[in-house]
């Protein structure tokens, strides 16, 4: 898999088989691979999770590489992220994280969406111990 600026780590409803997969990803990505990142996954109790990139725990998910910048930008909109807004006005922020294969091999840096402090607090997010959001 070749990582590009259009490669993103997804861990919730954008995973293959997830709620938003058909509308936002199916037919729009040219590669999908199981992967993991360091962080903590939270159930936000609103139908989708949030991730914080801290600590030594693992968040399980997939690497998606999009065909076009326009399709990638639709993910920003879905995640409530606008790079022109201050972080405090975004639901998530898009950050670069180190990514690994399921076996722990380093794959390089990719984009991921980290939940904002305000949303995590408002939703009273609870930690998902195994770092895996069920489909």
N, C-alpha and C. Protein backbone atom coordinates (compact mmCIF):
# COMPACT_ATOMS: atom_id res chain seq x y z
N UNK A 1 0.84 -1.18 0.00
CA UNK A 1 0.00 0.00 0.00
C UNK A 1 0.89 1.24 0.00
N UNK A 2 0.58 2.16 -0.86
CA UNK A 2 1.33 3.41 -0.94
C UNK A 2 0.58 4.50 -0.19
N UNK A 3 1.22 5.07 0.83
CA UNK A 3 0.59 6.13 1.60
C UNK A 3 0.74 7.45 0.87
N UNK A 4 -0.34 8.21 0.82
CA UNK A 4 -0.34 9.51 0.15
C UNK A 4 -1.00 10.54 1.06
N UNK A 5 -1.09 11.77 0.60
CA UNK A 5 -1.79 12.80 1.35
C UNK A 5 -3.29 12.53 1.40
N UNK A 6 -3.76 11.55 0.64
CA UNK A 6 -5.18 11.19 0.63
C UNK A 6 -5.43 9.90 1.42
N UNK A 7 -4.48 9.51 2.28
CA UNK A 7 -4.62 8.31 3.10
C UNK A 7 -5.05 8.70 4.50
N UNK A 8 -6.10 8.04 4.99
CA UNK A 8 -6.65 8.35 6.30
C UNK A 8 -6.91 7.07 7.08
N UNK A 9 -6.67 7.12 8.38
CA UNK A 9 -7.00 6.03 9.28
C UNK A 9 -8.41 6.25 9.78
N UNK A 10 -9.28 5.24 9.60
CA UNK A 10 -10.67 5.33 10.07
C UNK A 10 -10.91 4.24 11.10
N UNK A 11 -11.75 4.53 12.08
CA UNK A 11 -11.92 3.61 13.21
C UNK A 11 -13.38 3.45 13.63
N UNK A 12 -14.30 4.04 12.89
CA UNK A 12 -15.71 3.99 13.30
C UNK A 12 -16.63 3.69 12.14
N UNK A 13 -17.54 4.61 11.89
CA UNK A 13 -18.59 4.40 10.89
C UNK A 13 -18.10 4.45 9.46
N UNK A 14 -16.83 4.85 9.24
CA UNK A 14 -16.26 4.85 7.88
C UNK A 14 -15.51 3.56 7.56
N UNK A 15 -15.41 2.66 8.53
CA UNK A 15 -14.75 1.37 8.26
C UNK A 15 -15.58 0.58 7.26
N UNK A 16 -14.95 -0.32 6.48
CA UNK A 16 -15.72 -1.17 5.58
C UNK A 16 -16.85 -1.88 6.36
N UNK A 17 -18.05 -1.75 5.84
CA UNK A 17 -19.22 -2.31 6.51
C UNK A 17 -19.88 -1.36 7.48
N UNK A 18 -19.23 -0.22 7.76
CA UNK A 18 -19.78 0.77 8.68
C UNK A 18 -20.90 1.57 8.04
N UNK A 19 -21.61 2.30 8.85
CA UNK A 19 -22.78 3.05 8.41
C UNK A 19 -22.49 3.99 7.24
N UNK A 20 -21.38 4.73 7.32
CA UNK A 20 -21.06 5.72 6.27
C UNK A 20 -20.19 5.17 5.14
N UNK A 21 -19.75 3.93 5.25
CA UNK A 21 -18.91 3.34 4.21
C UNK A 21 -19.55 3.46 2.82
N UNK A 22 -20.80 2.99 2.60
CA UNK A 22 -21.36 3.02 1.24
C UNK A 22 -21.42 4.43 0.64
N UNK A 23 -21.80 5.41 1.42
CA UNK A 23 -22.00 6.77 0.90
C UNK A 23 -20.69 7.53 0.67
N UNK A 24 -19.71 7.33 1.55
CA UNK A 24 -18.50 8.16 1.50
C UNK A 24 -17.25 7.44 1.00
N UNK A 25 -17.24 6.10 1.02
CA UNK A 25 -16.00 5.39 0.71
C UNK A 25 -16.12 4.39 -0.43
N UNK A 26 -17.20 3.65 -0.48
CA UNK A 26 -17.33 2.59 -1.48
C UNK A 26 -17.20 3.16 -2.89
N UNK A 27 -16.28 2.61 -3.67
CA UNK A 27 -16.03 3.08 -5.02
C UNK A 27 -15.20 4.35 -5.09
N UNK A 28 -14.79 4.87 -3.94
CA UNK A 28 -14.02 6.13 -3.91
C UNK A 28 -12.61 5.92 -3.39
N UNK A 29 -12.32 4.73 -2.86
CA UNK A 29 -10.98 4.43 -2.36
C UNK A 29 -10.34 3.38 -3.25
N UNK A 30 -9.01 3.50 -3.44
CA UNK A 30 -8.35 2.51 -4.27
C UNK A 30 -7.57 1.50 -3.44
N UNK A 31 -7.50 1.71 -2.12
CA UNK A 31 -6.90 0.69 -1.27
C UNK A 31 -7.48 0.78 0.13
N UNK A 32 -7.62 -0.40 0.74
CA UNK A 32 -8.14 -0.56 2.09
C UNK A 32 -7.24 -1.57 2.78
N UNK A 33 -6.76 -1.25 3.99
CA UNK A 33 -5.91 -2.18 4.72
C UNK A 33 -6.17 -2.05 6.21
N UNK A 34 -6.28 -3.19 6.89
CA UNK A 34 -6.40 -3.18 8.35
C UNK A 34 -5.16 -2.51 8.93
N UNK A 35 -5.35 -1.74 10.00
CA UNK A 35 -4.23 -1.01 10.61
C UNK A 35 -4.59 -0.66 12.05
N UNK A 36 -3.62 -0.08 12.75
CA UNK A 36 -3.86 0.39 14.10
C UNK A 36 -2.97 1.59 14.39
N UNK A 37 -3.41 2.39 15.36
CA UNK A 37 -2.64 3.54 15.80
C UNK A 37 -2.66 3.56 17.33
N UNK A 38 -1.71 4.27 17.92
CA UNK A 38 -1.74 4.46 19.37
C UNK A 38 -2.80 5.49 19.71
N UNK A 39 -3.58 5.18 20.74
CA UNK A 39 -4.60 6.12 21.18
C UNK A 39 -5.63 5.45 22.06
N UNK A 40 -6.65 6.20 22.36
CA UNK A 40 -7.77 5.72 23.17
C UNK A 40 -9.04 5.96 22.38
N UNK A 41 -9.88 4.93 22.29
CA UNK A 41 -11.15 5.02 21.58
C UNK A 41 -12.27 5.20 22.59
N UNK A 42 -13.20 6.11 22.26
CA UNK A 42 -14.32 6.41 23.15
C UNK A 42 -15.65 6.19 22.45
N UNK A 43 -16.60 5.62 23.17
CA UNK A 43 -17.99 5.58 22.73
C UNK A 43 -18.58 6.92 23.14
N UNK A 44 -19.06 7.67 22.16
CA UNK A 44 -19.63 8.99 22.43
C UNK A 44 -21.13 8.93 22.73
N UNK A 45 -21.71 7.73 22.61
CA UNK A 45 -23.13 7.51 22.91
C UNK A 45 -24.05 8.27 21.96
N UNK A 46 -23.56 8.48 20.73
CA UNK A 46 -24.36 9.16 19.70
C UNK A 46 -24.33 8.38 18.38
N UNK A 47 -23.84 7.13 18.41
CA UNK A 47 -23.83 6.30 17.20
C UNK A 47 -22.49 6.25 16.49
N UNK A 48 -21.50 6.96 17.00
CA UNK A 48 -20.16 6.90 16.42
C UNK A 48 -19.14 7.17 17.52
N UNK A 49 -17.89 6.74 17.29
CA UNK A 49 -16.87 6.90 18.32
C UNK A 49 -16.03 8.16 18.12
N UNK A 50 -15.18 8.40 19.09
CA UNK A 50 -14.16 9.43 19.00
C UNK A 50 -12.85 8.85 19.49
N UNK A 51 -11.75 9.35 18.96
CA UNK A 51 -10.42 8.84 19.31
C UNK A 51 -9.57 9.98 19.81
N UNK A 52 -8.74 9.68 20.80
CA UNK A 52 -7.70 10.60 21.26
C UNK A 52 -6.36 9.92 21.05
N UNK A 53 -5.44 10.61 20.44
CA UNK A 53 -4.13 10.02 20.11
C UNK A 53 -3.15 10.24 21.25
N UNK A 54 -3.35 9.47 22.31
CA UNK A 54 -2.48 9.58 23.48
C UNK A 54 -2.29 8.19 24.09
N UNK A 55 -1.14 7.98 24.67
CA UNK A 55 -0.91 6.74 25.39
C UNK A 55 -0.38 5.61 24.53
N UNK A 56 -0.28 4.45 25.15
CA UNK A 56 0.31 3.29 24.48
C UNK A 56 -0.74 2.28 24.02
N UNK A 57 -2.02 2.53 24.31
CA UNK A 57 -3.07 1.61 23.88
C UNK A 57 -3.23 1.70 22.36
N UNK A 58 -3.97 0.76 21.81
CA UNK A 58 -4.19 0.70 20.36
C UNK A 58 -5.64 0.98 20.01
N UNK A 59 -5.82 1.70 18.91
CA UNK A 59 -7.11 1.88 18.27
C UNK A 59 -7.05 1.08 16.97
N UNK A 60 -8.02 0.19 16.78
CA UNK A 60 -8.07 -0.67 15.60
C UNK A 60 -8.90 0.00 14.50
N UNK A 61 -8.46 -0.13 13.28
CA UNK A 61 -9.22 0.45 12.18
C UNK A 61 -8.67 0.05 10.83
N UNK A 62 -8.81 0.95 9.87
CA UNK A 62 -8.40 0.69 8.49
C UNK A 62 -7.75 1.93 7.90
N UNK A 63 -6.81 1.68 7.02
CA UNK A 63 -6.24 2.76 6.20
C UNK A 63 -7.01 2.78 4.89
N UNK A 64 -7.49 3.96 4.53
CA UNK A 64 -8.17 4.17 3.26
C UNK A 64 -7.38 5.18 2.46
N UNK A 65 -7.13 4.88 1.20
CA UNK A 65 -6.50 5.85 0.31
C UNK A 65 -7.53 6.21 -0.75
N UNK A 66 -7.90 7.49 -0.75
CA UNK A 66 -8.94 7.96 -1.66
C UNK A 66 -8.40 8.23 -3.05
N UNK A 67 -9.27 8.10 -4.02
CA UNK A 67 -8.93 8.35 -5.42
C UNK A 67 -8.75 9.85 -5.69
N UNK A 68 -9.61 10.67 -5.07
CA UNK A 68 -9.60 12.10 -5.40
C UNK A 68 -9.61 12.96 -4.14
N UNK A 69 -9.06 14.15 -4.28
CA UNK A 69 -9.06 15.11 -3.18
C UNK A 69 -10.48 15.54 -2.83
N UNK A 70 -11.37 15.58 -3.80
CA UNK A 70 -12.75 15.97 -3.54
C UNK A 70 -13.45 14.95 -2.64
N UNK A 71 -13.22 13.67 -2.90
CA UNK A 71 -13.82 12.64 -2.04
C UNK A 71 -13.23 12.69 -0.64
N UNK A 72 -11.92 12.94 -0.55
CA UNK A 72 -11.27 13.07 0.75
C UNK A 72 -11.85 14.27 1.51
N UNK A 73 -12.10 15.37 0.82
CA UNK A 73 -12.66 16.57 1.44
C UNK A 73 -14.06 16.32 2.00
N UNK A 74 -14.80 15.41 1.39
CA UNK A 74 -16.13 15.07 1.91
C UNK A 74 -16.03 14.43 3.28
N UNK A 75 -14.91 13.74 3.54
CA UNK A 75 -14.70 13.14 4.86
C UNK A 75 -14.49 14.27 5.89
N UNK A 76 -13.73 15.29 5.53
CA UNK A 76 -13.57 16.44 6.43
C UNK A 76 -14.94 16.99 6.83
N UNK A 77 -15.81 17.17 5.85
CA UNK A 77 -17.14 17.73 6.12
C UNK A 77 -17.94 16.80 7.03
N UNK A 78 -17.91 15.51 6.76
CA UNK A 78 -18.62 14.54 7.59
C UNK A 78 -18.13 14.60 9.03
N UNK A 79 -16.83 14.74 9.21
CA UNK A 79 -16.24 14.75 10.54
C UNK A 79 -16.35 16.11 11.25
N UNK A 80 -17.02 17.06 10.62
CA UNK A 80 -17.18 18.37 11.24
C UNK A 80 -15.87 19.12 11.37
N UNK A 81 -14.99 18.89 10.39
CA UNK A 81 -13.67 19.52 10.41
C UNK A 81 -13.53 20.50 9.26
N UNK A 82 -13.14 21.71 9.58
CA UNK A 82 -12.83 22.72 8.58
C UNK A 82 -11.48 23.32 8.97
N UNK A 83 -10.45 23.15 8.11
CA UNK A 83 -9.12 23.64 8.47
C UNK A 83 -9.05 25.15 8.64
N UNK A 84 -10.05 25.87 8.16
CA UNK A 84 -10.06 27.33 8.28
C UNK A 84 -10.69 27.80 9.59
N UNK A 85 -11.29 26.88 10.35
CA UNK A 85 -11.88 27.23 11.64
C UNK A 85 -10.88 26.94 12.75
N UNK A 86 -11.01 27.63 13.88
CA UNK A 86 -10.17 27.27 15.03
C UNK A 86 -10.57 25.89 15.53
N UNK A 87 -9.63 25.18 16.16
CA UNK A 87 -9.91 23.84 16.68
C UNK A 87 -11.15 23.80 17.55
N UNK A 88 -11.37 24.85 18.33
CA UNK A 88 -12.51 24.88 19.25
C UNK A 88 -13.86 24.87 18.52
N UNK A 89 -13.88 25.21 17.24
CA UNK A 89 -15.11 25.24 16.47
C UNK A 89 -15.34 23.94 15.68
N UNK A 90 -14.38 23.03 15.72
CA UNK A 90 -14.49 21.76 15.00
C UNK A 90 -14.91 20.64 15.94
N UNK A 91 -15.72 19.70 15.43
CA UNK A 91 -16.08 18.52 16.22
C UNK A 91 -14.86 17.60 16.35
N UNK A 92 -14.16 17.42 15.25
CA UNK A 92 -12.92 16.65 15.21
C UNK A 92 -11.84 17.56 14.63
N UNK A 93 -10.61 17.18 14.85
CA UNK A 93 -9.52 17.84 14.15
C UNK A 93 -8.75 16.76 13.40
N UNK A 94 -8.29 17.10 12.21
CA UNK A 94 -7.51 16.14 11.40
C UNK A 94 -6.05 16.31 11.77
N UNK A 95 -5.45 15.20 12.18
CA UNK A 95 -4.05 15.21 12.63
C UNK A 95 -3.28 14.12 11.92
N UNK A 96 -1.95 14.24 11.91
CA UNK A 96 -1.11 13.17 11.38
C UNK A 96 -0.67 12.29 12.54
N UNK A 97 -0.77 10.97 12.32
CA UNK A 97 -0.41 10.01 13.36
C UNK A 97 0.47 8.92 12.74
N UNK A 98 1.27 8.29 13.58
CA UNK A 98 2.02 7.11 13.14
C UNK A 98 1.06 5.94 13.08
N UNK A 99 1.16 5.17 11.99
CA UNK A 99 0.25 4.07 11.76
C UNK A 99 1.03 2.76 11.65
N UNK A 100 0.39 1.66 12.03
CA UNK A 100 1.04 0.35 12.07
C UNK A 100 0.14 -0.71 11.47
N UNK A 101 0.76 -1.75 10.95
CA UNK A 101 0.00 -2.91 10.49
C UNK A 101 -0.55 -3.64 11.71
N UNK A 102 -1.51 -4.55 11.53
CA UNK A 102 -2.01 -5.31 12.68
C UNK A 102 -0.90 -6.06 13.43
N UNK A 103 0.17 -6.43 12.73
CA UNK A 103 1.29 -7.14 13.36
C UNK A 103 2.28 -6.19 14.05
N UNK A 104 2.09 -4.88 13.89
CA UNK A 104 2.94 -3.90 14.56
C UNK A 104 4.03 -3.29 13.70
N UNK A 105 4.06 -3.59 12.41
CA UNK A 105 5.05 -3.01 11.50
C UNK A 105 4.69 -1.55 11.22
N UNK A 106 5.66 -0.65 11.36
CA UNK A 106 5.43 0.77 11.10
C UNK A 106 5.11 0.98 9.62
N UNK A 107 4.04 1.74 9.36
CA UNK A 107 3.62 2.02 7.99
C UNK A 107 3.86 3.46 7.59
N UNK A 108 4.12 4.33 8.54
CA UNK A 108 4.32 5.75 8.24
C UNK A 108 3.22 6.60 8.83
N UNK A 109 3.27 7.88 8.52
CA UNK A 109 2.27 8.81 9.03
C UNK A 109 1.09 8.92 8.08
N UNK A 110 -0.09 9.01 8.69
CA UNK A 110 -1.34 9.14 7.93
C UNK A 110 -2.22 10.14 8.66
N UNK A 111 -3.28 10.54 8.01
CA UNK A 111 -4.28 11.40 8.64
C UNK A 111 -5.19 10.56 9.52
N UNK A 112 -5.71 11.16 10.58
CA UNK A 112 -6.74 10.57 11.43
C UNK A 112 -7.54 11.72 12.04
N UNK A 113 -8.73 11.41 12.48
CA UNK A 113 -9.59 12.42 13.09
C UNK A 113 -9.66 12.20 14.59
N UNK A 114 -9.27 13.23 15.33
CA UNK A 114 -9.27 13.18 16.79
C UNK A 114 -10.43 14.04 17.31
N UNK A 115 -11.20 13.47 18.24
CA UNK A 115 -12.35 14.18 18.79
C UNK A 115 -11.89 15.38 19.63
N UNK A 116 -12.64 16.44 19.57
CA UNK A 116 -12.29 17.62 20.35
C UNK A 116 -12.59 17.39 21.83
N UNK A 117 -11.90 18.12 22.68
CA UNK A 117 -12.14 18.03 24.13
C UNK A 117 -13.60 18.35 24.45
N UNK A 118 -14.13 19.39 23.83
CA UNK A 118 -15.48 19.84 24.13
C UNK A 118 -16.52 18.77 23.80
N UNK A 119 -16.38 18.12 22.65
CA UNK A 119 -17.34 17.09 22.25
C UNK A 119 -17.20 15.87 23.14
N UNK A 120 -15.98 15.47 23.44
CA UNK A 120 -15.75 14.32 24.31
C UNK A 120 -16.41 14.55 25.67
N UNK A 121 -16.27 15.75 26.20
CA UNK A 121 -16.86 16.08 27.49
C UNK A 121 -18.38 16.15 27.39
N UNK A 122 -18.90 16.83 26.36
CA UNK A 122 -20.35 16.98 26.20
C UNK A 122 -21.05 15.64 26.05
N UNK A 123 -20.42 14.71 25.33
CA UNK A 123 -21.02 13.40 25.08
C UNK A 123 -20.76 12.40 26.21
N UNK A 124 -19.95 12.82 27.18
CA UNK A 124 -19.59 11.92 28.29
C UNK A 124 -19.04 10.61 27.75
N UNK A 125 -18.05 10.74 26.84
CA UNK A 125 -17.45 9.58 26.21
C UNK A 125 -16.89 8.59 27.22
N UNK A 126 -17.12 7.31 26.93
CA UNK A 126 -16.57 6.25 27.77
C UNK A 126 -15.58 5.42 26.95
N UNK A 127 -14.49 5.07 27.60
CA UNK A 127 -13.39 4.36 26.94
C UNK A 127 -13.85 2.98 26.46
N UNK A 128 -13.46 2.64 25.24
CA UNK A 128 -13.67 1.30 24.69
C UNK A 128 -12.38 0.54 24.90
N UNK A 129 -12.37 -0.39 25.85
CA UNK A 129 -11.15 -1.04 26.33
C UNK A 129 -10.35 -1.72 25.23
N UNK A 130 -11.01 -2.39 24.28
CA UNK A 130 -10.26 -3.12 23.25
C UNK A 130 -9.90 -2.27 22.04
N UNK A 131 -10.31 -0.99 22.03
CA UNK A 131 -9.95 -0.08 20.95
C UNK A 131 -10.58 -0.40 19.61
N UNK A 132 -11.69 -1.14 19.63
CA UNK A 132 -12.32 -1.56 18.38
C UNK A 132 -13.81 -1.20 18.40
N UNK A 133 -14.22 -0.32 17.48
CA UNK A 133 -15.63 0.06 17.34
C UNK A 133 -16.34 -1.02 16.54
N UNK A 134 -17.40 -1.63 17.10
CA UNK A 134 -18.09 -2.71 16.36
C UNK A 134 -18.86 -2.17 15.17
N UNK A 135 -18.85 -2.95 14.10
CA UNK A 135 -19.62 -2.57 12.90
C UNK A 135 -21.08 -2.92 13.12
